[in-house]
Amino acid sequence: MMLRSDNKVRLLDLGRRCLSKVVDLAHLPTPVDLGHLDSVWSTPDLLASYTVTPPVRPWPSPLTSRRLAALISRLKDPHLALRAFLHAARFTPGFSPSYPPYHALILRLASARAFPLLPPVISALRRSGLRPSEDAFIALIRAYSLASRPAAALRSFLSIPSFGLRPSVRSFNALLNAMVQNRRLDLVALLFRNCRSKFGIIPNVCTCNILLKALCKLGDVRRALRVLDDMPGWGIVPNVVSYTTILAFYCVKGDLPAARELFDRIIARGWTPDVTTYTVLIDGYCRQGRLVDATKLMDEMEAAGITSNDITYSVVIEACCKDKRSGEALNLLDDMLQGKYIPSSSLCCKVIDTLCEDGKVEDACWMWRKLLKKNVTPDNSISSTLIYWLCKEGKVLEARKLFDEFERRFIPSLLTYNTLISGMCENGELQEAGRLWDDMVERRCSPNVFTYNMLIKGFCKARNVREGVRILDEMLEKGCLPNKSTFGMLVDGLPDSGDEEELDRILQIVDSSRRNVFDEDVWDIFVRKVVTGSENVREHISAVLKT
């Protein structure tokens, strides 16, 4: 009887220890009810008596490997995905995961870059004896590459045979790409030389193209050309990508004669250059300022039945902007929109700048409305650029109308507000600037130091320094620290107003908060004022500097 009692005590202790590994006992009601253990006499019975709460709700029922894999794929948190897998493996009676949950978990951890969690999962997969898919290792190699861990990518590739798999050219190409992306270019040629003897892999045209890319990045174009000539002897026919890789090297180096010769060689061998090949050579001409040759080649491409893509248009439009050919840039941008391509924000801004510098503000406005018509959002950067030029031309009313049209569809950014407020203040439209300020605050867009400075500058320009000082007060009250420009505009505006009382107020503000705003730049402004100001001004400044 004593023996049975001792066994029960040991089982109760075992129960507490097992339970403490699953849940934190500190979070359970006190005291913990272990009365159900009265009928338990063995460890299997003890474990079977507990029901562990799944980490994810709803939990698949009945649980299958396919359902578990789908659940893991949906979970964004890699730690939660691992907990779901472990719960299924350890606490689901009669369930043993097949390969799909392992695959889903490896993909989830790799995509989330949760690399410290991977080794136990990989080890468990190896112990399970399940035959994995090579796709899991390719995903690992790519994830390690994106995380700048080429050594880990190489280890993943070398571990493939330990799972009873033979690596294929797909995983080998993924490894070579990882080496190129991480600038381990020396290893690419070494791995390529050993692909047959060490790994039993027969390279394909993609493998050779990666090698060509590595050699070009190393600047060894002679070896790259030798590889290109040797490929037919290896039973591999070079493709357009092979030639384009070397063509891009020549263009970047500025060797356009060699680039054109290689381009003609592509055509002579019966290959049809694709849009990428044409675009690479067009970009080479644009880099050299040979815009006429670039547009001529673009026409040849269209005549060959190859349609320009967004990159082709962008390359030529940027070259037109650089060469101050505003009309051609606008026409090409219109063609780009007709082709249903979406130009980048920076490209649109460059075209607007080029048009407005050429005095074609109306054409820039037409382009802005054309973007709206084509359902291409003229974002805050594009709209701000056009508003700036309208204000610079003194067309503040047109700028405000454009802003209102933009505001009806989109939310203006601080940049857009600042651009229009600045333009209004520069043109003396202080009341309109104040209304826009109120609109900005109502929309919970907080002004920054530039916004305050533009208003202060506008009032000082209008010889109303008193209002400028009031804005400085509000600025400090809102927790926005002034800079050198703030005090420079106020101090420079004082002689025009003849109001030394306002200088006294500025000095009081500096004195009360100088630990926050009084630095070397502000010091220089007041020292300059001491040199050029009146005796009364000098006394005011000296009093502040001495305290």
Protein backbone atom coordinates (compact mmCIF):
# COMPACT_ATOMS: atom_id res chain seq x y z
CA MET A 1 0.00 0.00 0.00
CA MET A 2 2.89 2.32 0.82
CA LEU A 3 4.38 1.50 -2.60
CA ARG A 4 1.20 2.51 -4.42
CA SER A 5 1.12 5.78 -2.48
CA ASP A 6 4.73 6.54 -3.40
CA ASN A 7 3.96 5.85 -7.06
CA LYS A 8 1.04 8.25 -6.95
CA VAL A 9 3.23 10.98 -5.40
CA ARG A 10 5.81 10.47 -8.12
CA LEU A 11 3.11 10.61 -10.79
CA LEU A 12 1.68 13.80 -9.30
CA ASP A 13 5.15 15.35 -9.39
CA LEU A 14 5.63 14.14 -12.96
CA GLY A 15 2.27 15.65 -13.87
CA ARG A 16 3.26 19.03 -12.48
CA ARG A 17 6.56 18.94 -14.37
CA CYS A 18 4.93 17.86 -17.65
CA LEU A 19 2.24 20.49 -17.27
CA SER A 20 4.81 23.19 -16.53
CA LYS A 21 6.50 22.45 -19.87
CA VAL A 22 3.27 23.10 -21.75
CA VAL A 23 1.77 26.02 -19.85
CA ASP A 24 2.93 28.56 -17.32
CA LEU A 25 1.46 27.41 -13.99
CA ALA A 26 1.59 30.99 -12.70
CA HIS A 27 -1.26 31.84 -15.04
CA LEU A 28 -3.53 29.00 -13.84
CA PRO A 29 -6.12 29.30 -11.06
CA THR A 30 -4.80 28.55 -7.57
CA PRO A 31 -4.75 25.84 -6.39
CA VAL A 32 -4.30 23.69 -9.53
CA ASP A 33 -6.84 20.87 -9.51
CA LEU A 34 -5.01 17.55 -10.07
CA GLY A 35 -7.84 15.37 -8.82
CA HIS A 36 -8.23 13.71 -12.19
CA LEU A 37 -4.86 11.99 -11.58
CA ASP A 38 -6.42 9.66 -8.97
CA SER A 39 -7.10 7.08 -11.68
CA VAL A 40 -3.76 7.52 -13.49
CA TRP A 41 -1.07 4.84 -12.87
CA SER A 42 1.32 5.16 -15.86
CA THR A 43 3.12 7.89 -17.80
CA PRO A 44 1.19 7.24 -21.08
CA ASP A 45 -2.06 7.49 -19.13
CA LEU A 46 -0.81 10.70 -17.58
CA LEU A 47 0.00 12.34 -20.93
CA ALA A 48 -3.27 11.14 -22.43
CA SER A 49 -5.16 12.81 -19.58
CA TYR A 50 -4.12 16.31 -20.75
CA THR A 51 -5.58 18.34 -23.63
CA VAL A 52 -3.16 21.03 -24.85
CA THR A 53 -4.79 24.09 -26.40
CA PRO A 54 -3.77 24.57 -30.08
CA PRO A 55 -1.77 27.76 -30.75
CA VAL A 56 -4.08 28.70 -33.65
CA ARG A 57 -7.85 28.97 -33.79
CA PRO A 58 -9.69 27.52 -35.60
CA TRP A 59 -7.64 24.34 -35.56
CA PRO A 60 -8.15 21.91 -38.48
CA SER A 61 -10.39 19.00 -37.61
CA PRO A 62 -9.75 16.32 -38.55
CA LEU A 63 -6.08 17.19 -38.87
CA THR A 64 -4.34 16.06 -42.07
CA SER A 65 -0.92 16.90 -43.50
CA ARG A 66 -2.49 18.85 -46.34
CA ARG A 67 -4.61 20.94 -43.96
CA LEU A 68 -1.62 21.56 -41.69
CA ALA A 69 0.50 22.67 -44.66
CA ALA A 70 -2.25 25.08 -45.76
CA LEU A 71 -2.51 26.47 -42.22
CA ILE A 72 1.26 27.05 -41.97
CA SER A 73 1.30 28.77 -45.38
CA ARG A 74 -1.39 31.22 -44.23
CA LEU A 75 0.37 32.21 -41.00
CA LYS A 76 2.45 35.37 -41.33
CA ASP A 77 4.27 34.95 -38.01
CA PRO A 78 7.09 32.40 -38.47
CA HIS A 79 7.20 31.59 -34.74
CA LEU A 80 3.48 30.87 -34.75
CA ALA A 81 3.91 28.67 -37.83
CA LEU A 82 6.60 26.66 -36.02
CA ARG A 83 4.41 26.34 -32.91
CA ALA A 84 1.52 25.06 -35.05
CA PHE A 85 3.77 22.42 -36.61
CA LEU A 86 5.18 21.31 -33.24
CA HIS A 87 1.73 21.17 -31.67
CA ALA A 88 0.47 18.96 -34.48
CA ALA A 89 3.51 16.67 -34.29
CA ARG A 90 3.59 16.31 -30.51
CA PHE A 91 0.07 16.68 -29.19
CA THR A 92 -2.20 15.23 -31.88
CA PRO A 93 -2.77 11.51 -31.18
CA GLY A 94 -2.19 9.30 -34.18
CA PHE A 95 -0.88 12.11 -36.37
CA SER A 96 2.54 12.04 -38.01
CA PRO A 97 3.28 14.82 -40.51
CA SER A 98 4.18 13.84 -44.05
CA TYR A 99 6.41 16.02 -46.25
CA PRO A 100 3.98 18.87 -47.23
CA PRO A 101 3.90 20.46 -43.70
CA TYR A 102 7.70 20.35 -43.58
CA HIS A 103 7.88 22.00 -47.00
CA ALA A 104 5.38 24.71 -46.04
CA LEU A 105 7.25 25.42 -42.80
CA ILE A 106 10.63 25.69 -44.54
CA LEU A 107 9.18 28.12 -47.08
CA ARG A 108 7.52 30.21 -44.36
CA LEU A 109 10.68 30.44 -42.21
CA ALA A 110 12.89 31.14 -45.22
CA SER A 111 10.66 33.90 -46.62
CA ALA A 112 10.49 35.53 -43.16
CA ARG A 113 14.29 35.21 -42.81
CA ALA A 114 13.77 33.34 -39.53
CA PHE A 115 17.04 31.49 -40.15
CA PRO A 116 17.78 30.53 -36.50
CA LEU A 117 14.56 28.46 -36.48
CA LEU A 118 15.51 26.45 -39.57
CA PRO A 119 18.27 24.02 -38.36
CA PRO A 120 15.99 22.02 -35.99
CA VAL A 121 13.35 21.72 -38.71
CA ILE A 122 15.91 20.60 -41.30
CA SER A 123 17.35 18.07 -38.82
CA ALA A 124 13.88 16.72 -38.00
CA LEU A 125 13.15 16.33 -41.71
CA ARG A 126 16.39 14.40 -42.19
CA ARG A 127 15.58 12.09 -39.24
CA SER A 128 12.05 11.50 -40.51
CA GLY A 129 13.32 9.67 -43.58
CA LEU A 130 10.86 11.57 -45.77
CA ARG A 131 12.00 12.42 -49.29
CA PRO A 132 11.97 16.21 -49.67
CA SER A 133 11.48 18.26 -52.81
CA GLU A 134 14.40 20.13 -54.36
CA ASP A 135 12.16 23.22 -54.46
CA ALA A 136 12.61 23.62 -50.69
CA PHE A 137 16.38 23.87 -51.10
CA ILE A 138 16.05 26.28 -54.01
CA ALA A 139 13.86 28.48 -51.79
CA LEU A 140 16.49 28.29 -49.03
CA ILE A 141 19.31 29.23 -51.43
CA ARG A 142 17.36 32.23 -52.71
CA ALA A 143 16.39 33.36 -49.20
CA TYR A 144 20.00 33.17 -48.00
CA SER A 145 21.08 35.07 -51.11
CA LEU A 146 18.61 37.91 -50.47
CA ALA A 147 19.84 38.04 -46.87
CA SER A 148 23.47 38.42 -48.10
CA ARG A 149 24.49 35.02 -46.73
CA PRO A 150 26.20 33.29 -49.67
CA ALA A 151 28.06 30.79 -47.43
CA ALA A 152 24.74 29.54 -46.01
CA ALA A 153 23.37 29.25 -49.56
CA LEU A 154 26.37 27.11 -50.52
CA ARG A 155 25.91 24.90 -47.43
CA SER A 156 22.23 24.39 -48.30
CA PHE A 157 23.17 23.26 -51.81
CA LEU A 158 25.89 20.89 -50.52
CA SER A 159 23.44 19.35 -48.02
CA ILE A 160 21.01 18.16 -50.72
CA PRO A 161 22.65 14.68 -51.16
CA SER A 162 22.30 13.96 -47.41
CA PHE A 163 18.52 13.79 -47.98
CA GLY A 164 18.85 11.14 -50.65
CA LEU A 165 18.43 13.65 -53.47
CA ARG A 166 20.66 14.40 -56.42
CA PRO A 167 20.96 18.15 -57.05
CA SER A 168 19.75 19.22 -60.47
CA VAL A 169 20.79 22.09 -62.71
CA ARG A 170 17.90 24.15 -61.23
CA SER A 171 19.38 24.26 -57.73
CA PHE A 172 22.87 24.72 -59.21
CA ASN A 173 21.70 27.75 -61.20
CA ALA A 174 20.07 29.16 -58.07
CA LEU A 175 23.42 28.78 -56.30
CA LEU A 176 25.33 30.52 -59.11
CA ASN A 177 22.81 33.37 -59.07
CA ALA A 178 23.29 33.70 -55.30
CA MET A 179 27.04 34.02 -55.81
CA VAL A 180 26.58 36.72 -58.47
CA GLN A 181 24.09 38.67 -56.36
CA ASN A 182 26.49 38.65 -53.42
CA ARG A 183 29.56 39.61 -55.48
CA ARG A 184 31.26 36.23 -54.98
CA LEU A 185 32.08 36.29 -58.66
CA ASP A 186 35.31 34.29 -58.28
CA LEU A 187 33.33 31.28 -57.05
CA VAL A 188 31.03 31.20 -60.09
CA ALA A 189 33.73 30.10 -62.51
CA LEU A 190 35.13 27.63 -59.95
CA LEU A 191 31.72 26.02 -59.36
CA PHE A 192 31.04 25.94 -63.10
CA ARG A 193 34.30 24.08 -63.80
CA ASN A 194 33.38 21.42 -61.22
CA CYS A 195 29.66 21.06 -61.95
CA ARG A 196 30.09 17.80 -63.91
CA SER A 197 32.91 16.13 -61.96
CA LYS A 198 31.87 17.07 -58.40
CA PHE A 199 28.10 17.36 -58.62
CA GLY A 200 27.19 15.33 -61.70
CA ILE A 201 25.31 18.29 -63.15
CA ILE A 202 25.14 19.03 -66.88
CA PRO A 203 24.99 22.82 -67.38
CA ASN A 204 22.35 24.37 -69.61
CA VAL A 205 22.16 27.70 -71.42
CA CYS A 206 20.92 29.44 -68.24
CA THR A 207 24.02 28.20 -66.39
CA CYS A 208 26.28 29.59 -69.09
CA ASN A 209 24.42 32.92 -69.09
CA ILE A 210 25.02 33.28 -65.35
CA LEU A 211 28.72 32.55 -65.94
CA LEU A 212 28.79 35.22 -68.68
CA LYS A 213 27.20 37.71 -66.29
CA ALA A 214 29.83 36.96 -63.62
CA LEU A 215 32.71 37.32 -66.08
CA CYS A 216 31.33 40.63 -67.38
CA LYS A 217 30.95 41.93 -63.85
CA LEU A 218 34.60 40.99 -63.29
CA GLY A 219 35.45 43.00 -66.41
CA ASP A 220 36.86 39.91 -68.14
CA VAL A 221 35.06 40.25 -71.47
CA ARG A 222 37.69 38.17 -73.29
CA ARG A 223 36.86 35.09 -71.23
CA ALA A 224 33.16 35.86 -71.68
CA LEU A 225 33.58 35.87 -75.47
CA ARG A 226 35.58 32.64 -75.23
CA VAL A 227 32.73 31.03 -73.27
CA LEU A 228 30.28 32.27 -75.91
CA ASP A 229 32.37 30.61 -78.65
CA ASP A 230 32.84 27.37 -76.63
CA MET A 231 29.15 26.88 -75.81
CA PRO A 232 28.29 25.05 -79.08
CA GLY A 233 31.14 22.62 -78.37
CA TRP A 234 29.50 21.82 -75.02
CA GLY A 235 26.26 21.05 -76.79
CA ILE A 236 24.70 24.35 -75.70
CA VAL A 237 23.38 26.89 -78.20
CA PRO A 238 23.75 30.53 -77.05
CA ASN A 239 20.50 32.48 -76.99
CA VAL A 240 19.63 36.17 -77.18
CA VAL A 241 20.23 36.55 -73.44
CA SER A 242 23.79 35.28 -73.88
CA TYR A 243 24.61 37.98 -76.42
CA THR A 244 22.66 40.69 -74.56
CA THR A 245 24.71 40.07 -71.42
CA ILE A 246 27.96 40.91 -73.23
CA LEU A 247 26.25 43.70 -75.17
CA ALA A 248 25.28 45.36 -71.88
CA PHE A 249 28.92 45.21 -70.74
CA TYR A 250 30.10 47.04 -73.87
CA CYS A 251 27.39 49.70 -73.47
CA VAL A 252 28.22 50.36 -69.82
CA LYS A 253 31.90 50.69 -70.74
CA GLY A 254 31.03 53.07 -73.56
CA ASP A 255 32.44 50.80 -76.31
CA LEU A 256 29.57 51.37 -78.75
CA PRO A 257 31.40 50.15 -81.88
CA ALA A 258 31.95 46.74 -80.22
CA ALA A 259 28.35 46.79 -79.00
CA ARG A 260 26.99 47.48 -82.48
CA GLU A 261 29.24 44.78 -83.98
CA LEU A 262 27.91 42.23 -81.49
CA PHE A 263 24.35 43.38 -82.16
CA ASP A 264 24.84 42.83 -85.92
CA ARG A 265 26.36 39.43 -85.12
CA ILE A 266 23.14 38.45 -83.35
CA ILE A 267 21.12 39.26 -86.47
CA ALA A 268 23.66 37.57 -88.78
CA ARG A 269 23.34 34.33 -86.83
CA GLY A 270 19.61 34.28 -87.37
CA TRP A 271 18.59 35.43 -83.92
CA THR A 272 15.89 38.05 -83.48
CA PRO A 273 16.90 40.62 -80.84
CA ASP A 274 14.19 41.12 -78.24
CA VAL A 275 13.07 44.35 -76.62
CA THR A 276 15.68 43.98 -73.88
CA THR A 277 18.52 43.72 -76.42
CA TYR A 278 17.31 46.81 -78.27
CA THR A 279 16.79 48.74 -75.04
CA VAL A 280 20.32 47.94 -73.83
CA LEU A 281 21.84 49.34 -77.04
CA ILE A 282 19.47 52.34 -77.04
CA ASP A 283 20.55 53.09 -73.48
CA GLY A 284 24.19 52.88 -74.61
CA TYR A 285 23.56 55.53 -77.26
CA CYS A 286 21.72 57.73 -74.76
CA ARG A 287 24.60 57.49 -72.28
CA GLN A 288 26.90 58.88 -74.98
CA GLY A 289 24.49 61.69 -75.84
CA ARG A 290 23.74 60.14 -79.24
CA LEU A 291 20.01 60.69 -79.06
CA VAL A 292 19.55 60.67 -82.85
CA ASP A 293 21.06 57.17 -83.08
CA ALA A 294 18.92 56.05 -80.13
CA THR A 295 15.66 57.22 -81.70
CA LYS A 296 16.72 55.73 -85.06
CA LEU A 297 17.29 52.35 -83.40
CA MET A 298 13.94 52.69 -81.65
CA ASP A 299 12.31 53.17 -85.06
CA GLU A 300 14.15 50.08 -86.38
CA MET A 301 12.81 48.10 -83.45
CA GLU A 302 9.23 49.19 -84.15
CA ALA A 303 9.72 48.34 -87.86
CA ALA A 304 10.87 44.84 -86.85
CA GLY A 305 7.55 44.34 -85.06
CA ILE A 306 8.99 44.69 -81.55
CA THR A 307 7.01 47.03 -79.31
CA SER A 308 8.82 49.34 -76.92
CA ASN A 309 8.25 48.64 -73.24
CA ASP A 310 8.17 50.99 -70.28
CA ILE A 311 11.95 50.78 -69.80
CA THR A 312 12.62 51.67 -73.46
CA TYR A 313 10.38 54.72 -73.21
CA SER A 314 11.88 55.78 -69.88
CA VAL A 315 15.45 55.57 -71.20
CA VAL A 316 14.73 57.74 -74.26
CA ILE A 317 12.49 60.23 -72.42
CA GLU A 318 15.17 60.81 -69.78
CA ALA A 319 17.71 61.38 -72.54
CA CYS A 320 15.36 63.92 -74.17
CA CYS A 321 14.97 65.74 -70.86
CA LYS A 322 18.73 65.80 -70.36
CA ASP A 323 19.15 67.20 -73.89
CA LYS A 324 16.40 69.82 -73.23
CA ARG A 325 14.15 68.42 -75.96
CA SER A 326 10.89 69.08 -74.18
CA GLY A 327 8.59 68.51 -77.15
CA GLU A 328 10.04 65.08 -77.96
CA ALA A 329 9.91 64.10 -74.28
CA LEU A 330 6.22 65.05 -74.10
CA ASN A 331 5.36 63.17 -77.31
CA LEU A 332 7.15 60.03 -76.11
CA LEU A 333 5.40 60.23 -72.75
CA ASP A 334 2.08 60.47 -74.58
CA ASP A 335 3.04 57.39 -76.65
CA MET A 336 3.94 55.61 -73.43
CA LEU A 337 0.51 56.35 -71.97
CA GLN A 338 -1.17 55.25 -75.20
CA GLY A 339 0.70 51.95 -74.84
CA LYS A 340 -0.87 51.60 -71.38
CA TYR A 341 2.46 51.87 -69.58
CA ILE A 342 2.65 53.73 -66.28
CA PRO A 343 5.54 56.22 -66.11
CA SER A 344 7.36 56.59 -62.83
CA SER A 345 6.84 59.63 -60.64
CA SER A 346 10.45 60.78 -61.10
CA LEU A 347 10.15 60.52 -64.90
CA CYS A 348 7.00 62.68 -64.93
CA CYS A 349 8.71 65.27 -62.73
CA LYS A 350 11.67 65.42 -65.14
CA VAL A 351 9.34 65.99 -68.09
CA ILE A 352 7.46 68.74 -66.22
CA ASP A 353 10.74 70.42 -65.26
CA THR A 354 11.97 70.27 -68.87
CA LEU A 355 8.71 71.67 -70.25
CA CYS A 356 8.51 74.48 -67.71
CA GLU A 357 12.17 75.43 -68.13
CA ASP A 358 11.35 75.73 -71.81
CA GLY A 359 8.43 78.03 -70.97
CA LYS A 360 5.78 75.40 -71.76
CA VAL A 361 3.84 75.46 -68.50
CA GLU A 362 0.53 74.96 -70.34
CA ASP A 363 1.87 71.78 -71.92
CA ALA A 364 2.91 70.57 -68.46
CA CYS A 365 -0.65 71.20 -67.20
CA TRP A 366 -2.02 69.28 -70.21
CA MET A 367 0.27 66.37 -69.35
CA TRP A 368 -0.92 66.42 -65.71
CA ARG A 369 -4.56 66.20 -66.81
CA LYS A 370 -3.69 63.51 -69.35
CA LEU A 371 -2.31 61.42 -66.48
CA LEU A 372 -5.63 61.82 -64.66
CA LYS A 373 -7.58 60.91 -67.78
CA LYS A 374 -5.52 57.72 -68.22
CA ASN A 375 -6.13 56.77 -64.56
CA VAL A 376 -2.43 57.27 -63.79
CA THR A 377 -2.26 58.95 -60.40
CA PRO A 378 -0.24 62.19 -60.60
CA ASP A 379 1.07 61.76 -57.07
CA ASN A 380 2.18 64.47 -54.65
CA SER A 381 5.67 64.72 -56.18
CA ILE A 382 4.31 65.31 -59.69
CA SER A 383 1.64 67.76 -58.49
CA SER A 384 4.11 69.63 -56.28
CA THR A 385 6.51 70.04 -59.19
CA LEU A 386 3.81 71.55 -61.41
CA ILE A 387 2.49 73.78 -58.59
CA TYR A 388 6.03 75.08 -58.04
CA TRP A 389 6.38 76.08 -61.68
CA LEU A 390 2.93 77.68 -61.82
CA CYS A 391 3.73 79.79 -58.78
CA LYS A 392 7.14 80.67 -60.19
CA GLU A 393 5.38 81.97 -63.30
CA GLY A 394 3.10 84.01 -61.04
CA LYS A 395 0.08 81.85 -61.84
CA VAL A 396 -0.98 81.34 -58.22
CA LEU A 397 -4.70 81.12 -59.07
CA GLU A 398 -4.04 78.31 -61.59
CA ALA A 399 -1.85 76.58 -59.00
CA ARG A 400 -4.65 76.76 -56.43
CA LYS A 401 -7.17 75.36 -58.94
CA LEU A 402 -4.84 72.48 -59.75
CA PHE A 403 -4.36 71.85 -56.02
CA ASP A 404 -8.14 71.80 -55.47
CA GLU A 405 -8.59 69.37 -58.37
CA PHE A 406 -5.91 67.12 -56.91
CA GLU A 407 -7.40 67.40 -53.41
CA ARG A 408 -10.81 66.17 -54.61
CA ARG A 409 -9.31 62.79 -55.53
CA PHE A 410 -6.25 62.38 -53.35
CA ILE A 411 -4.79 63.42 -50.01
CA PRO A 412 -2.19 66.17 -50.40
CA SER A 413 1.10 65.59 -48.60
CA LEU A 414 3.05 68.09 -46.55
CA LEU A 415 5.31 68.59 -49.59
CA THR A 416 2.34 69.65 -51.73
CA TYR A 417 1.01 72.03 -49.07
CA ASN A 418 4.46 73.53 -48.52
CA THR A 419 5.02 74.06 -52.23
CA LEU A 420 1.76 75.97 -52.69
CA ILE A 421 2.11 77.97 -49.45
CA SER A 422 5.64 78.92 -50.48
CA GLY A 423 4.45 80.03 -53.91
CA MET A 424 1.61 82.07 -52.41
CA CYS A 425 3.93 83.80 -49.94
CA GLU A 426 6.49 84.57 -52.65
CA ASN A 427 3.73 86.20 -54.69
CA GLY A 428 2.32 88.19 -51.75
CA GLU A 429 -0.88 86.12 -51.46
CA LEU A 430 -0.65 85.92 -47.65
CA GLN A 431 -4.39 85.65 -47.04
CA GLU A 432 -4.66 82.71 -49.44
CA ALA A 433 -1.63 81.15 -47.76
CA GLY A 434 -3.37 81.54 -44.38
CA ARG A 435 -6.51 79.83 -45.69
CA LEU A 436 -4.46 76.97 -47.06
CA TRP A 437 -2.67 76.73 -43.71
CA ASP A 438 -6.04 76.36 -41.96
CA ASP A 439 -7.07 73.67 -44.46
CA MET A 440 -3.84 71.81 -43.81
CA VAL A 441 -4.30 71.88 -40.04
CA GLU A 442 -7.93 70.75 -40.34
CA ARG A 443 -6.73 67.74 -42.31
CA ARG A 444 -4.30 66.94 -39.47
CA CYS A 445 -1.25 67.59 -41.61
CA SER A 446 1.21 69.16 -39.18
CA PRO A 447 3.33 72.08 -40.48
CA ASN A 448 7.11 71.74 -40.28
CA VAL A 449 9.87 74.31 -39.98
CA PHE A 450 9.77 74.98 -43.74
CA THR A 451 6.04 75.83 -43.58
CA TYR A 452 6.57 78.28 -40.72
CA ASN A 453 9.62 79.79 -42.42
CA MET A 454 7.68 80.44 -45.63
CA LEU A 455 4.96 82.31 -43.74
CA ILE A 456 7.53 84.28 -41.73
CA LYS A 457 9.39 85.16 -44.93
CA GLY A 458 6.14 86.27 -46.58
CA PHE A 459 5.20 88.59 -43.71
CA CYS A 460 8.72 90.01 -43.43
CA LYS A 461 8.71 90.65 -47.18
CA ALA A 462 5.42 92.51 -46.67
CA ARG A 463 7.10 94.56 -43.86
CA ASN A 464 4.93 92.94 -41.22
CA VAL A 465 7.62 91.60 -38.87
CA ARG A 466 5.21 91.72 -35.94
CA GLU A 467 3.11 88.95 -37.55
CA GLY A 468 6.31 87.06 -38.31
CA VAL A 469 7.27 87.16 -34.63
CA ARG A 470 3.79 85.95 -33.69
CA ILE A 471 4.28 82.95 -35.98
CA LEU A 472 7.64 82.32 -34.29
CA ASP A 473 5.86 82.27 -30.94
CA GLU A 474 3.29 79.78 -32.27
CA MET A 475 6.06 77.72 -33.79
CA LEU A 476 7.79 77.26 -30.43
CA GLU A 477 4.47 76.67 -28.71
CA LYS A 478 3.76 73.77 -31.10
CA GLY A 479 7.17 72.25 -30.36
CA CYS A 480 8.67 73.00 -33.79
CA LEU A 481 12.24 74.27 -33.39
CA PRO A 482 13.29 77.20 -35.60
CA ASN A 483 16.52 77.06 -37.56
CA LYS A 484 19.08 79.54 -38.85
CA SER A 485 16.80 80.62 -41.71
CA THR A 486 13.97 81.47 -39.29
CA PHE A 487 16.03 84.01 -37.33
CA GLY A 488 17.83 85.22 -40.46
CA MET A 489 14.57 86.22 -42.14
CA LEU A 490 13.25 87.94 -39.01
CA VAL A 491 16.45 89.84 -38.27
CA ASP A 492 16.90 90.88 -41.91
CA GLY A 493 13.34 92.12 -42.01
CA LEU A 494 13.78 94.43 -39.01
CA PRO A 495 15.62 97.36 -40.67
CA ASP A 496 12.86 97.65 -43.26
CA SER A 497 10.19 97.87 -40.57
CA GLY A 498 12.14 100.20 -38.31
CA ASP A 499 10.64 98.42 -35.31
CA GLU A 500 13.33 97.61 -32.74
CA GLU A 501 10.62 96.52 -30.31
CA GLU A 502 10.22 93.37 -32.36
CA LEU A 503 13.96 92.68 -32.14
CA ASP A 504 13.57 92.89 -28.37
CA ARG A 505 10.78 90.27 -28.59
CA ILE A 506 12.94 88.01 -30.76
CA LEU A 507 15.79 88.31 -28.27
CA GLN A 508 13.42 87.44 -25.41
CA ILE A 509 12.33 84.31 -27.27
CA VAL A 510 15.94 83.31 -27.86
CA ASP A 511 16.82 84.01 -24.23
CA SER A 512 13.90 81.96 -22.88
CA SER A 513 14.56 78.92 -25.05
CA ARG A 514 18.16 79.26 -26.16
CA ARG A 515 19.16 75.85 -24.89
CA ASN A 516 16.96 74.48 -27.66
CA VAL A 517 17.48 76.99 -30.49
CA PHE A 518 20.67 78.94 -29.78
CA ASP A 519 23.51 77.28 -31.70
CA GLU A 520 26.53 78.55 -33.64
CA ASP A 521 24.48 79.41 -36.74
CA VAL A 522 22.02 81.54 -34.76
CA TRP A 523 24.94 83.13 -32.92
CA ASP A 524 26.42 84.25 -36.27
CA ILE A 525 23.17 86.01 -37.19
CA PHE A 526 23.14 88.07 -34.00
CA VAL A 527 26.87 88.80 -34.13
CA ARG A 528 26.31 90.20 -37.64
CA LYS A 529 23.51 92.33 -36.22
CA VAL A 530 25.81 93.64 -33.48
CA VAL A 531 28.25 94.83 -36.16
CA THR A 532 25.67 96.52 -38.39
CA GLY A 533 22.93 97.52 -35.93
CA SER A 534 22.34 100.64 -33.86
CA GLU A 535 23.66 101.21 -30.33
CA ASN A 536 20.30 100.20 -28.82
CA VAL A 537 20.33 96.98 -30.80
CA ARG A 538 23.86 96.21 -29.61
CA GLU A 539 22.82 96.71 -25.99
CA HIS A 540 19.86 94.33 -26.37
CA ILE A 541 21.99 91.62 -27.96
CA SER A 542 24.85 92.05 -25.49
CA ALA A 543 22.42 91.58 -22.58
CA VAL A 544 21.30 88.24 -24.00
CA LEU A 545 24.80 87.01 -24.78
CA LYS A 546 26.10 87.84 -21.30
CA THR A 547 23.39 85.93 -19.40
